[in-house]
PDB file of N, CA and C in Angstrom:
ATOM      1  N   MET A   1       0.812  -1.196   0.000  1.00  0.00           N
ATOM      2  CA  MET A   1       0.000   0.000   0.000  1.00  0.00           C
ATOM      3  C   MET A   1       0.858   1.264   0.000  1.00  0.00           C
ATOM      4  N   LYS A   2       2.069   1.156   0.529  1.00  0.00           N
ATOM      5  CA  LYS A   2       2.951   2.315   0.525  1.00  0.00           C
ATOM      6  C   LYS A   2       3.286   2.716  -0.914  1.00  0.00           C
ATOM      7  N   TYR A   3       3.435   1.713  -1.792  1.00  0.00           N
ATOM      8  CA  TYR A   3       3.731   1.973  -3.198  1.00  0.00           C
ATOM      9  C   TYR A   3       2.644   2.840  -3.824  1.00  0.00           C
ATOM     10  N   TYR A   4       1.379   2.490  -3.589  1.00  0.00           N
ATOM     11  CA  TYR A   4       0.268   3.247  -4.176  1.00  0.00           C
ATOM     12  C   TYR A   4       0.191   4.662  -3.613  1.00  0.00           C
ATOM     13  N   ARG A   5       0.501   4.813  -2.349  1.00  0.00           N
ATOM     14  CA  ARG A   5       0.492   6.139  -1.733  1.00  0.00           C
ATOM     15  C   ARG A   5       1.558   7.029  -2.375  1.00  0.00           C
ATOM     16  N   VAL A   6       2.753   6.476  -2.530  1.00  0.00           N
ATOM     17  CA  VAL A   6       3.845   7.231  -3.154  1.00  0.00           C
ATOM     18  C   VAL A   6       3.513   7.531  -4.615  1.00  0.00           C
ATOM     19  N   LEU A   7       2.917   6.558  -5.312  1.00  0.00           N
ATOM     20  CA  LEU A   7       2.543   6.765  -6.709  1.00  0.00           C
ATOM     21  C   LEU A   7       1.509   7.878  -6.844  1.00  0.00           C
ATOM     22  N   ARG A   8       0.525   7.899  -5.968  1.00  0.00           N
ATOM     23  CA  ARG A   8      -0.489   8.968  -6.000  1.00  0.00           C
ATOM     24  C   ARG A   8       0.139  10.338  -5.758  1.00  0.00           C
ATOM     25  N   GLU A   9       1.095  10.403  -4.824  1.00  0.00           N
ATOM     26  CA  GLU A   9       1.774  11.673  -4.548  1.00  0.00           C
ATOM     27  C   GLU A   9       2.578  12.136  -5.765  1.00  0.00           C
ATOM     28  N   LEU A  10       3.257  11.201  -6.432  1.00  0.00           N
ATOM     29  CA  LEU A  10       4.022  11.563  -7.625  1.00  0.00           C
ATOM     30  C   LEU A  10       3.109  12.032  -8.751  1.00  0.00           C
ATOM     31  N   ILE A  11       1.945  11.409  -8.887  1.00  0.00           N
ATOM     32  CA  ILE A  11       0.987  11.838  -9.913  1.00  0.00           C
ATOM     33  C   ILE A  11       0.463  13.231  -9.603  1.00  0.00           C
ATOM     34  N   LYS A  12       0.260  13.541  -8.317  1.00  0.00           N
ATOM     35  CA  LYS A  12      -0.178  14.894  -7.947  1.00  0.00           C
ATOM     36  C   LYS A  12       0.883  15.928  -8.309  1.00  0.00           C
ATOM     37  N   ILE A  13       2.155  15.566  -8.116  1.00  0.00           N
ATOM     38  CA  ILE A  13       3.243  16.504  -8.384  1.00  0.00           C
ATOM     39  C   ILE A  13       3.475  16.672  -9.888  1.00  0.00           C
ATOM     40  N   TYR A  14       3.627  15.544 -10.613  1.00  0.00           N
ATOM     41  CA  TYR A  14       4.025  15.592 -12.022  1.00  0.00           C
ATOM     42  C   TYR A  14       2.868  15.430 -13.004  1.00  0.00           C
ATOM     43  N   GLY A  15       1.720  14.952 -12.549  1.00  0.00           N
ATOM     44  CA  GLY A  15       0.577  14.728 -13.438  1.00  0.00           C
ATOM     45  C   GLY A  15       0.609  13.337 -14.055  1.00  0.00           C
ATOM     46  N   SER A  16      -0.550  12.839 -14.428  1.00  0.00           N
ATOM     47  CA  SER A  16      -0.623  11.481 -14.976  1.00  0.00           C
ATOM     48  C   SER A  16      -0.070  11.401 -16.393  1.00  0.00           C
ATOM     49  N   GLU A  17       0.063  12.529 -17.078  1.00  0.00           N
ATOM     50  CA  GLU A  17       0.606  12.522 -18.441  1.00  0.00           C
ATOM     51  C   GLU A  17       2.096  12.194 -18.464  1.00  0.00           C
ATOM     52  N   SER A  18       2.772  12.293 -17.324  1.00  0.00           N
ATOM     53  CA  SER A  18       4.203  12.001 -17.285  1.00  0.00           C
ATOM     54  C   SER A  18       4.490  10.519 -17.041  1.00  0.00           C
ATOM     55  N   LEU A  19       3.445   9.699 -16.849  1.00  0.00           N
ATOM     56  CA  LEU A  19       3.651   8.267 -16.638  1.00  0.00           C
ATOM     57  C   LEU A  19       4.131   7.610 -17.925  1.00  0.00           C
ATOM     58  N   VAL A  20       5.059   6.676 -17.784  1.00  0.00           N
ATOM     59  CA  VAL A  20       5.550   5.895 -18.921  1.00  0.00           C
ATOM     60  C   VAL A  20       5.361   4.426 -18.577  1.00  0.00           C
ATOM     61  N   PHE A  21       4.698   3.698 -19.461  1.00  0.00           N
ATOM     62  CA  PHE A  21       4.472   2.270 -19.286  1.00  0.00           C
ATOM     63  C   PHE A  21       5.510   1.522 -20.113  1.00  0.00           C
ATOM     64  N   ILE A  22       6.163   0.525 -19.501  1.00  0.00           N
ATOM     65  CA  ILE A  22       7.235  -0.222 -20.153  1.00  0.00           C
ATOM     66  C   ILE A  22       6.822  -1.685 -20.245  1.00  0.00           C
ATOM     67  N   ASP A  23       7.095  -2.306 -21.401  1.00  0.00           N
ATOM     68  CA  ASP A  23       6.759  -3.712 -21.589  1.00  0.00           C
ATOM     69  C   ASP A  23       7.841  -4.388 -22.421  1.00  0.00           C
ATOM     70  N   LYS A  24       8.025  -5.682 -22.154  1.00  0.00           N
ATOM     71  CA  LYS A  24       8.976  -6.497 -22.908  1.00  0.00           C
ATOM     72  C   LYS A  24       8.228  -7.695 -23.466  1.00  0.00           C
ATOM     73  N   SER A  25       8.508  -8.033 -24.695  1.00  0.00           N
ATOM     74  CA  SER A  25       7.881  -9.184 -25.327  1.00  0.00           C
ATOM     75  C   SER A  25       8.934  -9.928 -26.127  1.00  0.00           C
ATOM     76  N   TRP A  26       8.716 -11.215 -26.395  1.00  0.00           N
ATOM     77  CA  TRP A  26       9.687 -11.989 -27.159  1.00  0.00           C
ATOM     78  C   TRP A  26       8.990 -12.769 -28.266  1.00  0.00           C
ATOM     79  N   PHE A  27       9.786 -13.097 -29.281  1.00  0.00           N
ATOM     80  CA  PHE A  27       9.308 -13.847 -30.433  1.00  0.00           C
ATOM     81  C   PHE A  27      10.336 -14.918 -30.748  1.00  0.00           C
ATOM     82  N   GLU A  28       9.881 -16.152 -31.001  1.00  0.00           N
ATOM     83  CA  GLU A  28      10.797 -17.230 -31.354  1.00  0.00           C
ATOM     84  C   GLU A  28      10.758 -17.498 -32.845  1.00  0.00           C
ATOM     85  N   GLU A  29      11.877 -18.010 -33.342  1.00  0.00           N
ATOM     86  CA  GLU A  29      11.988 -18.306 -34.764  1.00  0.00           C
ATOM     87  C   GLU A  29      11.050 -19.444 -35.165  1.00  0.00           C
ATOM     88  N   PHE A  30      10.959 -20.472 -34.332  1.00  0.00           N
ATOM     89  CA  PHE A  30      10.093 -21.614 -34.617  1.00  0.00           C
ATOM     90  C   PHE A  30       8.952 -21.632 -33.613  1.00  0.00           C
ATOM     91  N   GLN A  31       7.744 -21.457 -34.081  1.00  0.00           N
ATOM     92  CA  GLN A  31       6.565 -21.544 -33.219  1.00  0.00           C
ATOM     93  C   GLN A  31       5.949 -22.919 -33.426  1.00  0.00           C
ATOM     94  N   ALA A  32       5.812 -23.685 -32.363  1.00  0.00           N
ATOM     95  CA  ALA A  32       5.270 -25.034 -32.462  1.00  0.00           C
ATOM     96  C   ALA A  32       3.810 -25.056 -32.027  1.00  0.00           C
ATOM     97  N   CYS A  33       3.047 -25.903 -32.648  1.00  0.00           N
ATOM     98  CA  CYS A  33       1.639 -26.099 -32.303  1.00  0.00           C
ATOM     99  C   CYS A  33       1.554 -27.397 -31.504  1.00  0.00           C
ATOM    100  N   PHE A  34       1.166 -27.339 -30.239  1.00  0.00           N
ATOM    101  CA  PHE A  34       1.194 -28.504 -29.366  1.00  0.00           C
ATOM    102  C   PHE A  34      -0.161 -29.182 -29.227  1.00  0.00           C
ATOM    103  N   TYR A  35      -1.052 -29.002 -30.158  1.00  0.00           N
ATOM    104  CA  TYR A  35      -2.344 -29.677 -30.090  1.00  0.00           C
ATOM    105  C   TYR A  35      -2.734 -30.155 -31.477  1.00  0.00           C
ATOM    106  N   ALA A  36      -3.629 -31.137 -31.523  1.00  0.00           N
ATOM    107  CA  ALA A  36      -4.097 -31.671 -32.802  1.00  0.00           C
ATOM    108  C   ALA A  36      -5.477 -32.282 -32.594  1.00  0.00           C
ATOM    109  N   TRP A  37      -6.150 -32.590 -33.694  1.00  0.00           N
ATOM    110  CA  TRP A  37      -7.480 -33.184 -33.657  1.00  0.00           C
ATOM    111  C   TRP A  37      -7.412 -34.633 -34.138  1.00  0.00           C
ATOM    112  N   SER A  38      -8.206 -35.483 -33.507  1.00  0.00           N
ATOM    113  CA  SER A  38      -8.324 -36.868 -33.958  1.00  0.00           C
ATOM    114  C   SER A  38      -9.680 -37.403 -33.515  1.00  0.00           C
ATOM    115  N   LYS A  39     -10.007 -38.588 -34.004  1.00  0.00           N
ATOM    116  CA  LYS A  39     -11.254 -39.213 -33.572  1.00  0.00           C
ATOM    117  C   LYS A  39     -11.122 -39.602 -32.113  1.00  0.00           C
ATOM    118  N   LYS A  40     -12.237 -39.681 -31.423  1.00  0.00           N
ATOM    119  CA  LYS A  40     -12.248 -40.008 -30.003  1.00  0.00           C
ATOM    120  C   LYS A  40     -11.602 -41.376 -29.780  1.00  0.00           C
ATOM    121  N   GLY A  41     -10.672 -41.436 -28.836  1.00  0.00           N
ATOM    122  CA  GLY A  41      -9.985 -42.680 -28.517  1.00  0.00           C
ATOM    123  C   GLY A  41      -8.743 -42.947 -29.346  1.00  0.00           C
ATOM    124  N   LYS A  42      -8.442 -42.135 -30.328  1.00  0.00           N
ATOM    125  CA  LYS A  42      -7.261 -42.315 -31.183  1.00  0.00           C
ATOM    126  C   LYS A  42      -6.165 -41.343 -30.748  1.00  0.00           C
ATOM    127  N   LYS A  43      -4.946 -41.836 -30.674  1.00  0.00           N
ATOM    128  CA  LYS A  43      -3.809 -40.974 -30.344  1.00  0.00           C
ATOM    129  C   LYS A  43      -3.332 -40.239 -31.584  1.00  0.00           C
ATOM    130  N   VAL A  44      -2.766 -39.099 -31.362  1.00  0.00           N
ATOM    131  CA  VAL A  44      -2.215 -38.303 -32.454  1.00  0.00           C
ATOM    132  C   VAL A  44      -0.696 -38.355 -32.348  1.00  0.00           C
ATOM    133  N   PHE A  45      -0.060 -38.717 -33.440  1.00  0.00           N
ATOM    134  CA  PHE A  45       1.396 -38.760 -33.482  1.00  0.00           C
ATOM    135  C   PHE A  45       1.880 -37.730 -34.490  1.00  0.00           C
ATOM    136  N   GLY A  46       2.955 -37.081 -34.156  1.00  0.00           N
ATOM    137  CA  GLY A  46       3.492 -36.083 -35.068  1.00  0.00           C
ATOM    138  C   GLY A  46       4.923 -35.752 -34.721  1.00  0.00           C
ATOM    139  N   ASP A  47       5.580 -35.132 -35.640  1.00  0.00           N
ATOM    140  CA  ASP A  47       6.969 -34.722 -35.425  1.00  0.00           C
ATOM    141  C   ASP A  47       6.998 -33.303 -34.895  1.00  0.00           C
ATOM    142  N   ARG A  48       7.930 -33.086 -34.012  1.00  0.00           N
ATOM    143  CA  ARG A  48       8.099 -31.761 -33.433  1.00  0.00           C
ATOM    144  C   ARG A  48       9.590 -31.526 -33.275  1.00  0.00           C
ATOM    145  N   GLN A  49      10.017 -30.367 -33.632  1.00  0.00           N
ATOM    146  CA  GLN A  49      11.431 -30.042 -33.538  1.00  0.00           C
ATOM    147  C   GLN A  49      11.813 -29.866 -32.075  1.00  0.00           C
ATOM    148  N   GLY A  50      12.928 -30.467 -31.666  1.00  0.00           N
ATOM    149  CA  GLY A  50      13.325 -30.440 -30.271  1.00  0.00           C
ATOM    150  C   GLY A  50      14.193 -29.264 -29.878  1.00  0.00           C
ATOM    151  N   LYS A  51      14.574 -28.449 -30.824  1.00  0.00           N
ATOM    152  CA  LYS A  51      15.444 -27.322 -30.478  1.00  0.00           C
ATOM    153  C   LYS A  51      14.694 -26.005 -30.622  1.00  0.00           C
ATOM    154  N   ARG A  52      15.132 -25.051 -29.857  1.00  0.00           N
ATOM    155  CA  ARG A  52      14.547 -23.710 -29.960  1.00  0.00           C
ATOM    156  C   ARG A  52      15.322 -22.899 -30.974  1.00  0.00           C
ATOM    157  N   GLY A  53      14.624 -22.026 -31.607  1.00  0.00           N
ATOM    158  CA  GLY A  53      15.274 -21.133 -32.557  1.00  0.00           C
ATOM    159  C   GLY A  53      15.779 -19.886 -31.859  1.00  0.00           C
ATOM    160  N   LYS A  54      16.197 -18.962 -32.656  1.00  0.00           N
ATOM    161  CA  LYS A  54      16.692 -17.691 -32.128  1.00  0.00           C
ATOM    162  C   LYS A  54      15.519 -16.915 -31.534  1.00  0.00           C
ATOM    163  N   ARG A  55      15.695 -16.383 -30.350  1.00  0.00           N
ATOM    164  CA  ARG A  55      14.644 -15.626 -29.680  1.00  0.00           C
ATOM    165  C   ARG A  55      14.940 -14.137 -29.777  1.00  0.00           C
ATOM    166  N   GLU A  56      14.014 -13.415 -30.350  1.00  0.00           N
ATOM    167  CA  GLU A  56      14.119 -11.958 -30.465  1.00  0.00           C
ATOM    168  C   GLU A  56      13.285 -11.327 -29.356  1.00  0.00           C
ATOM    169  N   ASN A  57      13.818 -10.331 -28.708  1.00  0.00           N
ATOM    170  CA  ASN A  57      13.119  -9.613 -27.648  1.00  0.00           C
ATOM    171  C   ASN A  57      12.871  -8.177 -28.081  1.00  0.00           C
ATOM    172  N   LEU A  58      11.766  -7.643 -27.640  1.00  0.00           N
ATOM    173  CA  LEU A  58      11.410  -6.255 -27.932  1.00  0.00           C
ATOM    174  C   LEU A  58      11.051  -5.579 -26.620  1.00  0.00           C
ATOM    175  N   VAL A  59      11.649  -4.436 -26.360  1.00  0.00           N
ATOM    176  CA  VAL A  59      11.296  -3.639 -25.188  1.00  0.00           C
ATOM    177  C   VAL A  59      11.014  -2.219 -25.673  1.00  0.00           C
ATOM    178  N   ALA A  60       9.954  -1.636 -25.121  1.00  0.00           N
ATOM    179  CA  ALA A  60       9.570  -0.280 -25.526  1.00  0.00           C
ATOM    180  C   ALA A  60       8.775   0.370 -24.405  1.00  0.00           C
ATOM    181  N   GLY A  61       8.696   1.669 -24.451  1.00  0.00           N
ATOM    182  CA  GLY A  61       7.892   2.438 -23.508  1.00  0.00           C
ATOM    183  C   GLY A  61       6.774   3.144 -24.244  1.00  0.00           C
ATOM    184  N   ARG A  62       5.751   3.513 -23.485  1.00  0.00           N
ATOM    185  CA  ARG A  62       4.624   4.240 -24.079  1.00  0.00           C
ATOM    186  C   ARG A  62       4.075   5.209 -23.047  1.00  0.00           C
ATOM    187  N   ARG A  63       3.792   6.424 -23.488  1.00  0.00           N
ATOM    188  CA  ARG A  63       3.241   7.442 -22.604  1.00  0.00           C
ATOM    189  C   ARG A  63       1.727   7.334 -22.535  1.00  0.00           C
ATOM    190  N   LYS A  64       1.182   7.690 -21.385  1.00  0.00           N
ATOM    191  CA  LYS A  64      -0.270   7.653 -21.217  1.00  0.00           C
ATOM    192  C   LYS A  64      -0.916   8.665 -22.159  1.00  0.00           C
ATOM    193  N   GLY A  65      -1.931   8.217 -22.885  1.00  0.00           N
ATOM    194  CA  GLY A  65      -2.650   9.098 -23.786  1.00  0.00           C
ATOM    195  C   GLY A  65      -1.989   9.301 -25.139  1.00  0.00           C
ATOM    196  N   LYS A  66      -0.823   8.724 -25.358  1.00  0.00           N
ATOM    197  CA  LYS A  66      -0.107   8.859 -26.636  1.00  0.00           C
ATOM    198  C   LYS A  66      -0.071   7.499 -27.331  1.00  0.00           C
ATOM    199  N   LYS A  67      -0.028   7.515 -28.655  1.00  0.00           N
ATOM    200  CA  LYS A  67      -0.003   6.263 -29.397  1.00  0.00           C
ATOM    201  C   LYS A  67       1.378   5.920 -29.940  1.00  0.00           C
ATOM    202  N   ASP A  68       2.377   6.722 -29.624  1.00  0.00           N
ATOM    203  CA  ASP A  68       3.719   6.452 -30.118  1.00  0.00           C
ATOM    204  C   ASP A  68       4.508   5.643 -29.094  1.00  0.00           C
ATOM    205  N   PHE A  69       5.534   4.934 -29.576  1.00  0.00           N
ATOM    206  CA  PHE A  69       6.413   4.183 -28.692  1.00  0.00           C
ATOM    207  C   PHE A  69       7.657   5.002 -28.407  1.00  0.00           C
ATOM    208  N   ILE A  70       8.178   4.841 -27.201  1.00  0.00           N
ATOM    209  CA  ILE A  70       9.393   5.533 -26.796  1.00  0.00           C
ATOM    210  C   ILE A  70      10.536   4.524 -26.824  1.00  0.00           C
ATOM    211  N   ALA A  71      11.559   4.808 -27.581  1.00  0.00           N
ATOM    212  CA  ALA A  71      12.799   4.026 -27.628  1.00  0.00           C
ATOM    213  C   ALA A  71      12.570   2.530 -27.789  1.00  0.00           C
ATOM    214  N   PRO A  72      11.874   2.085 -28.843  1.00  0.00           N
ATOM    215  CA  PRO A  72      11.752   0.635 -29.038  1.00  0.00           C
ATOM    216  C   PRO A  72      13.114   0.039 -29.391  1.00  0.00           C
ATOM    217  N   MET A  73      13.426  -1.116 -28.807  1.00  0.00           N
ATOM    218  CA  MET A  73      14.710  -1.757 -29.055  1.00  0.00           C
ATOM    219  C   MET A  73      14.494  -3.256 -29.224  1.00  0.00           C
ATOM    220  N   VAL A  74      15.062  -3.834 -30.277  1.00  0.00           N
ATOM    221  CA  VAL A  74      15.008  -5.272 -30.526  1.00  0.00           C
ATOM    222  C   VAL A  74      16.395  -5.835 -30.252  1.00  0.00           C
ATOM    223  N   PHE A  75      16.467  -6.944 -29.501  1.00  0.00           N
ATOM    224  CA  PHE A  75      17.753  -7.549 -29.177  1.00  0.00           C
ATOM    225  C   PHE A  75      17.577  -9.054 -29.040  1.00  0.00           C
ATOM    226  N   THR A  76      18.682  -9.799 -29.091  1.00  0.00           N
ATOM    227  CA  THR A  76      18.627 -11.257 -29.047  1.00  0.00           C
ATOM    228  C   THR A  76      19.002 -11.833 -27.690  1.00  0.00           C
ATOM    229  N   ARG A  77      19.650 -11.093 -26.854  1.00  0.00           N
ATOM    230  CA  ARG A  77      20.016 -11.617 -25.534  1.00  0.00           C
ATOM    231  C   ARG A  77      18.853 -11.428 -24.560  1.00  0.00           C
ATOM    232  N   SER A  78      18.989 -11.994 -23.368  1.00  0.00           N
ATOM    233  CA  SER A  78      17.941 -11.797 -22.369  1.00  0.00           C
ATOM    234  C   SER A  78      18.094 -10.421 -21.726  1.00  0.00           C
ATOM    235  N   LEU A  79      17.016  -9.909 -21.203  1.00  0.00           N
ATOM    236  CA  LEU A  79      17.029  -8.569 -20.614  1.00  0.00           C
ATOM    237  C   LEU A  79      17.302  -8.684 -19.119  1.00  0.00           C
ATOM    238  N   ASN A  80      18.512  -8.353 -18.712  1.00  0.00           N
ATOM    239  CA  ASN A  80      18.854  -8.320 -17.295  1.00  0.00           C
ATOM    240  C   ASN A  80      18.940  -6.856 -16.854  1.00  0.00           C
ATOM    241  N   ALA A  81      19.340  -6.626 -15.632  1.00  0.00           N
ATOM    242  CA  ALA A  81      19.388  -5.262 -15.095  1.00  0.00           C
ATOM    243  C   ALA A  81      20.344  -4.379 -15.899  1.00  0.00           C
ATOM    244  N   GLU A  82      21.468  -4.942 -16.300  1.00  0.00           N
ATOM    245  CA  GLU A  82      22.448  -4.162 -17.067  1.00  0.00           C
ATOM    246  C   GLU A  82      21.880  -3.765 -18.434  1.00  0.00           C
ATOM    247  N   GLY A  83      21.203  -4.697 -19.091  1.00  0.00           N
ATOM    248  CA  GLY A  83      20.590  -4.388 -20.382  1.00  0.00           C
ATOM    249  C   GLY A  83      19.463  -3.380 -20.263  1.00  0.00           C
ATOM    250  N   PHE A  84      18.691  -3.480 -19.182  1.00  0.00           N
ATOM    251  CA  PHE A  84      17.597  -2.537 -18.965  1.00  0.00           C
ATOM    252  C   PHE A  84      18.129  -1.131 -18.719  1.00  0.00           C
ATOM    253  N   GLU A  85      19.195  -1.022 -17.926  1.00  0.00           N
ATOM    254  CA  GLU A  85      19.805   0.287 -17.684  1.00  0.00           C
ATOM    255  C   GLU A  85      20.380   0.862 -18.977  1.00  0.00           C
ATOM    256  N   GLY A  86      20.939  -0.004 -19.828  1.00  0.00           N
ATOM    257  CA  GLY A  86      21.440   0.456 -21.117  1.00  0.00           C
ATOM    258  C   GLY A  86      20.317   0.961 -22.003  1.00  0.00           C
ATOM    259  N   TRP A  87      19.150   0.293 -21.939  1.00  0.00           N
ATOM    260  CA  TRP A  87      17.996   0.740 -22.719  1.00  0.00           C
ATOM    261  C   TRP A  87      17.481   2.079 -22.201  1.00  0.00           C
ATOM    262  N   LEU A  88      17.501   2.285 -20.885  1.00  0.00           N
ATOM    263  CA  LEU A  88      17.013   3.539 -20.309  1.00  0.00           C
ATOM    264  C   LEU A  88      17.870   4.733 -20.699  1.00  0.00           C
ATOM    265  N   SER A  89      19.174   4.520 -20.837  1.00  0.00           N
ATOM    266  CA  SER A  89      20.054   5.667 -21.130  1.00  0.00           C
ATOM    267  C   SER A  89      20.100   6.019 -22.591  1.00  0.00           C
TER     268      SER A  89
END
């Protein structure tokens, strides 16, 4: 609850238009479908690739009330604290 109290105070000081929402999403090279249809009582057999492909990550920010993205960045490594700080600067 302390977080919400501090957040409300910051919104009073700076306004809600200064909020920035940040999100990270990833995309894989090979997308597998893990379900299939068959007659009742029949097993479904199929081939599936056992390795993962290259994973692309996307991180971007967005301002409240705006439709543009702030500093979108695509990268192949995982996003750790060091990478996030690099994206912020």
